[in-house]
PDB file of N, CA and C in Angstrom:
ATOM      1  N   MET A   1       0.824  -1.193   0.000  1.00  0.00           N
ATOM      2  CA  MET A   1       0.000   0.000   0.000  1.00  0.00           C
ATOM      3  C   MET A   1       0.870   1.260   0.000  1.00  0.00           C
ATOM      4  N   LEU A   2       1.984   1.196   0.721  1.00  0.00           N
ATOM      5  CA  LEU A   2       2.869   2.359   0.769  1.00  0.00           C
ATOM      6  C   LEU A   2       3.442   2.658  -0.613  1.00  0.00           C
ATOM      7  N   SER A   3       3.815   1.625  -1.334  1.00  0.00           N
ATOM      8  CA  SER A   3       4.354   1.824  -2.683  1.00  0.00           C
ATOM      9  C   SER A   3       3.306   2.414  -3.605  1.00  0.00           C
ATOM     10  N   LEU A   4       2.077   1.947  -3.498  1.00  0.00           N
ATOM     11  CA  LEU A   4       0.998   2.472  -4.326  1.00  0.00           C
ATOM     12  C   LEU A   4       0.723   3.934  -3.994  1.00  0.00           C
ATOM     13  N   ALA A   5       0.700   4.269  -2.717  1.00  0.00           N
ATOM     14  CA  ALA A   5       0.482   5.660  -2.314  1.00  0.00           C
ATOM     15  C   ALA A   5       1.618   6.546  -2.811  1.00  0.00           C
ATOM     16  N   PHE A   6       2.853   6.059  -2.726  1.00  0.00           N
ATOM     17  CA  PHE A   6       4.002   6.815  -3.215  1.00  0.00           C
ATOM     18  C   PHE A   6       3.888   7.055  -4.714  1.00  0.00           C
ATOM     19  N   ALA A   7       3.512   6.017  -5.461  1.00  0.00           N
ATOM     20  CA  ALA A   7       3.387   6.151  -6.919  1.00  0.00           C
ATOM     21  C   ALA A   7       2.279   7.126  -7.293  1.00  0.00           C
ATOM     22  N   ILE A   8       1.163   7.067  -6.595  1.00  0.00           N
ATOM     23  CA  ILE A   8       0.043   7.964  -6.899  1.00  0.00           C
ATOM     24  C   ILE A   8       0.417   9.412  -6.611  1.00  0.00           C
ATOM     25  N   THR A   9       1.085   9.664  -5.485  1.00  0.00           N
ATOM     26  CA  THR A   9       1.473  11.043  -5.174  1.00  0.00           C
ATOM     27  C   THR A   9       2.482  11.568  -6.185  1.00  0.00           C
ATOM     28  N   GLN A  10       3.390  10.711  -6.632  1.00  0.00           N
ATOM     29  CA  GLN A  10       4.357  11.140  -7.644  1.00  0.00           C
ATOM     30  C   GLN A  10       3.654  11.444  -8.966  1.00  0.00           C
ATOM     31  N   LEU A  11       2.673  10.660  -9.324  1.00  0.00           N
ATOM     32  CA  LEU A  11       1.919  10.910 -10.544  1.00  0.00           C
ATOM     33  C   LEU A  11       1.170  12.237 -10.465  1.00  0.00           C
ATOM     34  N   ILE A  12       0.597  12.521  -9.322  1.00  0.00           N
ATOM     35  CA  ILE A  12      -0.103  13.800  -9.127  1.00  0.00           C
ATOM     36  C   ILE A  12       0.871  14.970  -9.256  1.00  0.00           C
ATOM     37  N   VAL A  13       2.050  14.831  -8.670  1.00  0.00           N
ATOM     38  CA  VAL A  13       3.058  15.891  -8.770  1.00  0.00           C
ATOM     39  C   VAL A  13       3.479  16.096 -10.218  1.00  0.00           C
ATOM     40  N   ILE A  14       3.669  15.025 -10.957  1.00  0.00           N
ATOM     41  CA  ILE A  14       4.068  15.136 -12.362  1.00  0.00           C
ATOM     42  C   ILE A  14       2.989  15.832 -13.178  1.00  0.00           C
ATOM     43  N   VAL A  15       1.737  15.433 -13.002  1.00  0.00           N
ATOM     44  CA  VAL A  15       0.638  16.043 -13.755  1.00  0.00           C
ATOM     45  C   VAL A  15       0.515  17.530 -13.427  1.00  0.00           C
ATOM     46  N   LEU A  16       0.576  17.876 -12.149  1.00  0.00           N
ATOM     47  CA  LEU A  16       0.466  19.282 -11.756  1.00  0.00           C
ATOM     48  C   LEU A  16       1.661  20.104 -12.224  1.00  0.00           C
ATOM     49  N   SER A  17       2.844  19.503 -12.239  1.00  0.00           N
ATOM     50  CA  SER A  17       4.011  20.254 -12.693  1.00  0.00           C
ATOM     51  C   SER A  17       3.943  20.537 -14.180  1.00  0.00           C
ATOM     52  N   PHE A  18       3.390  19.616 -14.967  1.00  0.00           N
ATOM     53  CA  PHE A  18       3.231  19.891 -16.395  1.00  0.00           C
ATOM     54  C   PHE A  18       2.151  20.939 -16.633  1.00  0.00           C
ATOM     55  N   ARG A  19       1.148  20.951 -15.800  1.00  0.00           N
ATOM     56  CA  ARG A  19       0.060  21.916 -15.993  1.00  0.00           C
ATOM     57  C   ARG A  19       0.428  23.316 -15.515  1.00  0.00           C
ATOM     58  N   TYR A  20       1.049  23.428 -14.347  1.00  0.00           N
ATOM     59  CA  TYR A  20       1.297  24.744 -13.753  1.00  0.00           C
ATOM     60  C   TYR A  20       2.785  25.131 -13.695  1.00  0.00           C
ATOM     61  N   GLY A  21       3.672  24.226 -13.988  1.00  0.00           N
ATOM     62  CA  GLY A  21       5.096  24.499 -13.848  1.00  0.00           C
ATOM     63  C   GLY A  21       5.715  25.046 -15.125  1.00  0.00           C
ATOM     64  N   PHE A  22       7.024  25.135 -15.089  1.00  0.00           N
ATOM     65  CA  PHE A  22       7.769  25.578 -16.248  1.00  0.00           C
ATOM     66  C   PHE A  22       7.835  24.446 -17.253  1.00  0.00           C
ATOM     67  N   THR A  23       7.854  24.795 -18.530  1.00  0.00           N
ATOM     68  CA  THR A  23       7.895  23.762 -19.566  1.00  0.00           C
ATOM     69  C   THR A  23       9.319  23.368 -19.919  1.00  0.00           C
ATOM     70  N   ARG A  24      10.295  24.128 -19.450  1.00  0.00           N
ATOM     71  CA  ARG A  24      11.692  23.822 -19.733  1.00  0.00           C
ATOM     72  C   ARG A  24      12.236  22.910 -18.640  1.00  0.00           C
ATOM     73  N   ILE A  25      12.952  21.866 -19.054  1.00  0.00           N
ATOM     74  CA  ILE A  25      13.527  20.914 -18.104  1.00  0.00           C
ATOM     75  C   ILE A  25      15.036  21.114 -18.082  1.00  0.00           C
ATOM     76  N   ASP A  26      15.598  21.298 -16.901  1.00  0.00           N
ATOM     77  CA  ASP A  26      17.049  21.430 -16.753  1.00  0.00           C
ATOM     78  C   ASP A  26      17.712  20.064 -16.892  1.00  0.00           C
ATOM     79  N   LYS A  27      19.019  20.084 -17.079  1.00  0.00           N
ATOM     80  CA  LYS A  27      19.763  18.824 -17.215  1.00  0.00           C
ATOM     81  C   LYS A  27      19.697  17.998 -15.937  1.00  0.00           C
ATOM     82  N   SER A  28      19.772  18.663 -14.789  1.00  0.00           N
ATOM     83  CA  SER A  28      19.725  17.916 -13.526  1.00  0.00           C
ATOM     84  C   SER A  28      18.361  17.258 -13.336  1.00  0.00           C
ATOM     85  N   GLU A  29      17.285  17.955 -13.698  1.00  0.00           N
ATOM     86  CA  GLU A  29      15.947  17.365 -13.575  1.00  0.00           C
ATOM     87  C   GLU A  29      15.800  16.169 -14.505  1.00  0.00           C
ATOM     88  N   ALA A  30      16.333  16.277 -15.703  1.00  0.00           N
ATOM     89  CA  ALA A  30      16.273  15.159 -16.648  1.00  0.00           C
ATOM     90  C   ALA A  30      17.069  13.967 -16.129  1.00  0.00           C
ATOM     91  N   LEU A  31      18.211  14.251 -15.519  1.00  0.00           N
ATOM     92  CA  LEU A  31      19.025  13.180 -14.948  1.00  0.00           C
ATOM     93  C   LEU A  31      18.288  12.475 -13.814  1.00  0.00           C
ATOM     94  N   TYR A  32      17.704  13.252 -12.899  1.00  0.00           N
ATOM     95  CA  TYR A  32      16.959  12.666 -11.788  1.00  0.00           C
ATOM     96  C   TYR A  32      15.757  11.863 -12.284  1.00  0.00           C
ATOM     97  N   PHE A  33      15.056  12.398 -13.267  1.00  0.00           N
ATOM     98  CA  PHE A  33      13.907  11.690 -13.828  1.00  0.00           C
ATOM     99  C   PHE A  33      14.353  10.380 -14.473  1.00  0.00           C
ATOM    100  N   GLY A  34      15.447  10.422 -15.215  1.00  0.00           N
ATOM    101  CA  GLY A  34      15.953   9.219 -15.867  1.00  0.00           C
ATOM    102  C   GLY A  34      16.369   8.151 -14.875  1.00  0.00           C
ATOM    103  N   ILE A  35      17.071   8.560 -13.811  1.00  0.00           N
ATOM    104  CA  ILE A  35      17.489   7.603 -12.785  1.00  0.00           C
ATOM    105  C   ILE A  35      16.269   7.001 -12.095  1.00  0.00           C
ATOM    106  N   SER A  36      15.282   7.826 -11.827  1.00  0.00           N
ATOM    107  CA  SER A  36      14.070   7.334 -11.185  1.00  0.00           C
ATOM    108  C   SER A  36      13.345   6.322 -12.061  1.00  0.00           C
ATOM    109  N   MET A  37      13.217   6.622 -13.341  1.00  0.00           N
ATOM    110  CA  MET A  37      12.546   5.696 -14.255  1.00  0.00           C
ATOM    111  C   MET A  37      13.336   4.393 -14.398  1.00  0.00           C
ATOM    112  N   LEU A  38      14.661   4.490 -14.475  1.00  0.00           N
ATOM    113  CA  LEU A  38      15.476   3.281 -14.565  1.00  0.00           C
ATOM    114  C   LEU A  38      15.327   2.409 -13.323  1.00  0.00           C
ATOM    115  N   SER A  39      15.264   3.034 -12.154  1.00  0.00           N
ATOM    116  CA  SER A  39      15.115   2.238 -10.938  1.00  0.00           C
ATOM    117  C   SER A  39      13.752   1.551 -10.895  1.00  0.00           C
ATOM    118  N   LEU A  40      12.718   2.231 -11.370  1.00  0.00           N
ATOM    119  CA  LEU A  40      11.396   1.604 -11.381  1.00  0.00           C
ATOM    120  C   LEU A  40      11.315   0.481 -12.412  1.00  0.00           C
ATOM    121  N   ILE A  41      11.953   0.671 -13.568  1.00  0.00           N
ATOM    122  CA  ILE A  41      11.993  -0.396 -14.574  1.00  0.00           C
ATOM    123  C   ILE A  41      12.776  -1.592 -14.031  1.00  0.00           C
ATOM    124  N   PHE A  42      13.906  -1.303 -13.377  1.00  0.00           N
ATOM    125  CA  PHE A  42      14.698  -2.371 -12.767  1.00  0.00           C
ATOM    126  C   PHE A  42      13.881  -3.132 -11.733  1.00  0.00           C
ATOM    127  N   TRP A  43      13.113  -2.399 -10.935  1.00  0.00           N
ATOM    128  CA  TRP A  43      12.265  -3.023  -9.922  1.00  0.00           C
ATOM    129  C   TRP A  43      11.241  -3.946 -10.569  1.00  0.00           C
ATOM    130  N   ALA A  44      10.613  -3.479 -11.642  1.00  0.00           N
ATOM    131  CA  ALA A  44       9.599  -4.294 -12.312  1.00  0.00           C
ATOM    132  C   ALA A  44      10.209  -5.557 -12.911  1.00  0.00           C
ATOM    133  N   ILE A  45      11.376  -5.433 -13.504  1.00  0.00           N
ATOM    134  CA  ILE A  45      12.022  -6.598 -14.111  1.00  0.00           C
ATOM    135  C   ILE A  45      12.525  -7.563 -13.036  1.00  0.00           C
ATOM    136  N   ALA A  46      13.206  -7.029 -12.042  1.00  0.00           N
ATOM    137  CA  ALA A  46      13.809  -7.890 -11.019  1.00  0.00           C
ATOM    138  C   ALA A  46      12.770  -8.564 -10.142  1.00  0.00           C
ATOM    139  N   SER A  47      11.650  -7.908  -9.908  1.00  0.00           N
ATOM    140  CA  SER A  47      10.640  -8.522  -9.041  1.00  0.00           C
ATOM    141  C   SER A  47       9.969  -9.721  -9.707  1.00  0.00           C
ATOM    142  N   HIS A  48      10.057  -9.814 -11.024  1.00  0.00           N
ATOM    143  CA  HIS A  48       9.470 -10.960 -11.729  1.00  0.00           C
ATOM    144  C   HIS A  48      10.521 -11.990 -12.134  1.00  0.00           C
ATOM    145  N   SER A  49      11.764 -11.745 -11.787  1.00  0.00           N
ATOM    146  CA  SER A  49      12.842 -12.663 -12.135  1.00  0.00           C
ATOM    147  C   SER A  49      13.539 -13.128 -10.860  1.00  0.00           C
ATOM    148  N   GLY A  50      13.207 -14.321 -10.436  1.00  0.00           N
ATOM    149  CA  GLY A  50      13.807 -14.871  -9.228  1.00  0.00           C
ATOM    150  C   GLY A  50      15.305 -15.089  -9.365  1.00  0.00           C
ATOM    151  N   GLU A  51      15.755 -15.465 -10.568  1.00  0.00           N
ATOM    152  CA  GLU A  51      17.185 -15.694 -10.790  1.00  0.00           C
ATOM    153  C   GLU A  51      17.979 -14.402 -10.659  1.00  0.00           C
ATOM    154  N   LEU A  52      17.437 -13.294 -11.154  1.00  0.00           N
ATOM    155  CA  LEU A  52      18.127 -12.007 -11.054  1.00  0.00           C
ATOM    156  C   LEU A  52      18.230 -11.570  -9.593  1.00  0.00           C
ATOM    157  N   LEU A  53      17.165 -11.797  -8.830  1.00  0.00           N
ATOM    158  CA  LEU A  53      17.204 -11.458  -7.411  1.00  0.00           C
ATOM    159  C   LEU A  53      18.272 -12.269  -6.683  1.00  0.00           C
ATOM    160  N   LYS A  54      18.380 -13.565  -7.010  1.00  0.00           N
ATOM    161  CA  LYS A  54      19.396 -14.405  -6.377  1.00  0.00           C
ATOM    162  C   LYS A  54      20.796 -13.960  -6.781  1.00  0.00           C
ATOM    163  N   THR A  55      20.958 -13.585  -8.043  1.00  0.00           N
ATOM    164  CA  THR A  55      22.263 -13.131  -8.520  1.00  0.00           C
ATOM    165  C   THR A  55      22.692 -11.855  -7.804  1.00  0.00           C
ATOM    166  N   LEU A  56      21.753 -10.951  -7.575  1.00  0.00           N
ATOM    167  CA  LEU A  56      22.056  -9.680  -6.922  1.00  0.00           C
ATOM    168  C   LEU A  56      22.010  -9.773  -5.398  1.00  0.00           C
ATOM    169  N   HIS A  57      21.686 -10.953  -4.874  1.00  0.00           N
ATOM    170  CA  HIS A  57      21.592 -11.190  -3.429  1.00  0.00           C
ATOM    171  C   HIS A  57      20.557 -10.277  -2.776  1.00  0.00           C
ATOM    172  N   PHE A  58      19.414 -10.140  -3.436  1.00  0.00           N
ATOM    173  CA  PHE A  58      18.303  -9.339  -2.918  1.00  0.00           C
ATOM    174  C   PHE A  58      17.124 -10.247  -2.620  1.00  0.00           C
ATOM    175  N   THR A  59      16.342  -9.854  -1.628  1.00  0.00           N
ATOM    176  CA  THR A  59      15.014 -10.427  -1.463  1.00  0.00           C
ATOM    177  C   THR A  59      14.050  -9.447  -2.117  1.00  0.00           C
ATOM    178  N   GLU A  60      12.804  -9.839  -2.276  1.00  0.00           N
ATOM    179  CA  GLU A  60      11.840  -8.894  -2.863  1.00  0.00           C
ATOM    180  C   GLU A  60      11.674  -7.668  -1.988  1.00  0.00           C
ATOM    181  N   ARG A  61      11.659  -7.866  -0.694  1.00  0.00           N
ATOM    182  CA  ARG A  61      11.526  -6.731   0.223  1.00  0.00           C
ATOM    183  C   ARG A  61      12.761  -5.830   0.164  1.00  0.00           C
ATOM    184  N   GLY A  62      13.944  -6.424   0.114  1.00  0.00           N
ATOM    185  CA  GLY A  62      15.178  -5.652   0.015  1.00  0.00           C
ATOM    186  C   GLY A  62      15.244  -4.850  -1.263  1.00  0.00           C
ATOM    187  N   LEU A  63      14.762  -5.448  -2.351  1.00  0.00           N
ATOM    188  CA  LEU A  63      14.718  -4.738  -3.634  1.00  0.00           C
ATOM    189  C   LEU A  63      13.775  -3.551  -3.552  1.00  0.00           C
ATOM    190  N   ALA A  64      12.595  -3.763  -2.980  1.00  0.00           N
ATOM    191  CA  ALA A  64      11.618  -2.679  -2.857  1.00  0.00           C
ATOM    192  C   ALA A  64      12.155  -1.550  -1.985  1.00  0.00           C
ATOM    193  N   ILE A  65      12.798  -1.902  -0.898  1.00  0.00           N
ATOM    194  CA  ILE A  65      13.352  -0.882  -0.003  1.00  0.00           C
ATOM    195  C   ILE A  65      14.444  -0.089  -0.699  1.00  0.00           C
ATOM    196  N   SER A  66      15.313  -0.758  -1.446  1.00  0.00           N
ATOM    197  CA  SER A  66      16.406  -0.044  -2.113  1.00  0.00           C
ATOM    198  C   SER A  66      15.881   0.877  -3.208  1.00  0.00           C
ATOM    199  N   VAL A  67      14.884   0.443  -3.964  1.00  0.00           N
ATOM    200  CA  VAL A  67      14.324   1.292  -5.023  1.00  0.00           C
ATOM    201  C   VAL A  67      13.594   2.490  -4.420  1.00  0.00           C
ATOM    202  N   LEU A  68      12.799   2.266  -3.391  1.00  0.00           N
ATOM    203  CA  LEU A  68      12.096   3.377  -2.756  1.00  0.00           C
ATOM    204  C   LEU A  68      13.062   4.354  -2.083  1.00  0.00           C
ATOM    205  N   THR A  69      14.131   3.831  -1.514  1.00  0.00           N
ATOM    206  CA  THR A  69      15.147   4.706  -0.922  1.00  0.00           C
ATOM    207  C   THR A  69      15.824   5.547  -1.989  1.00  0.00           C
ATOM    208  N   ALA A  70      16.163   4.932  -3.110  1.00  0.00           N
ATOM    209  CA  ALA A  70      16.786   5.687  -4.206  1.00  0.00           C
ATOM    210  C   ALA A  70      15.857   6.775  -4.717  1.00  0.00           C
ATOM    211  N   ASN A  71      14.592   6.460  -4.907  1.00  0.00           N
ATOM    212  CA  ASN A  71      13.645   7.455  -5.392  1.00  0.00           C
ATOM    213  C   ASN A  71      13.397   8.554  -4.373  1.00  0.00           C
ATOM    214  N   THR A  72      13.408   8.223  -3.092  1.00  0.00           N
ATOM    215  CA  THR A  72      13.252   9.240  -2.066  1.00  0.00           C
ATOM    216  C   THR A  72      14.460  10.184  -2.050  1.00  0.00           C
ATOM    217  N   LEU A  73      15.651   9.628  -2.189  1.00  0.00           N
ATOM    218  CA  LEU A  73      16.850  10.468  -2.247  1.00  0.00           C
ATOM    219  C   LEU A  73      16.848  11.378  -3.464  1.00  0.00           C
ATOM    220  N   ILE A  74      16.371  10.855  -4.589  1.00  0.00           N
ATOM    221  CA  ILE A  74      16.255  11.678  -5.793  1.00  0.00           C
ATOM    222  C   ILE A  74      15.273  12.807  -5.576  1.00  0.00           C
ATOM    223  N   GLU A  75      14.178  12.515  -4.920  1.00  0.00           N
ATOM    224  CA  GLU A  75      13.185  13.553  -4.656  1.00  0.00           C
ATOM    225  C   GLU A  75      13.743  14.626  -3.701  1.00  0.00           C
ATOM    226  N   ILE A  76      14.537  14.212  -2.740  1.00  0.00           N
ATOM    227  CA  ILE A  76      15.147  15.171  -1.824  1.00  0.00           C
ATOM    228  C   ILE A  76      16.099  16.105  -2.571  1.00  0.00           C
ATOM    229  N   MET A  77      16.822  15.562  -3.535  1.00  0.00           N
ATOM    230  CA  MET A  77      17.751  16.378  -4.310  1.00  0.00           C
ATOM    231  C   MET A  77      16.996  17.417  -5.098  1.00  0.00           C
TER     232      MET A  77
END
């Protein structure tokens, strides 16, 4: 539920920023957005691949915590 709430709030922020924010994206914002999207794609792929999780020595919970931590740090930046 926490992951779903986090995703929904991020979606709301993205929609509102496109509607009321600046239309120009800085290089740092593009970098943060790209890293965030890559981490979410990695999460989706790794959570459905048990072999990849074993190779990376992650559990599903550990993977979720690391991705959410990375995205939270990106948001803080």
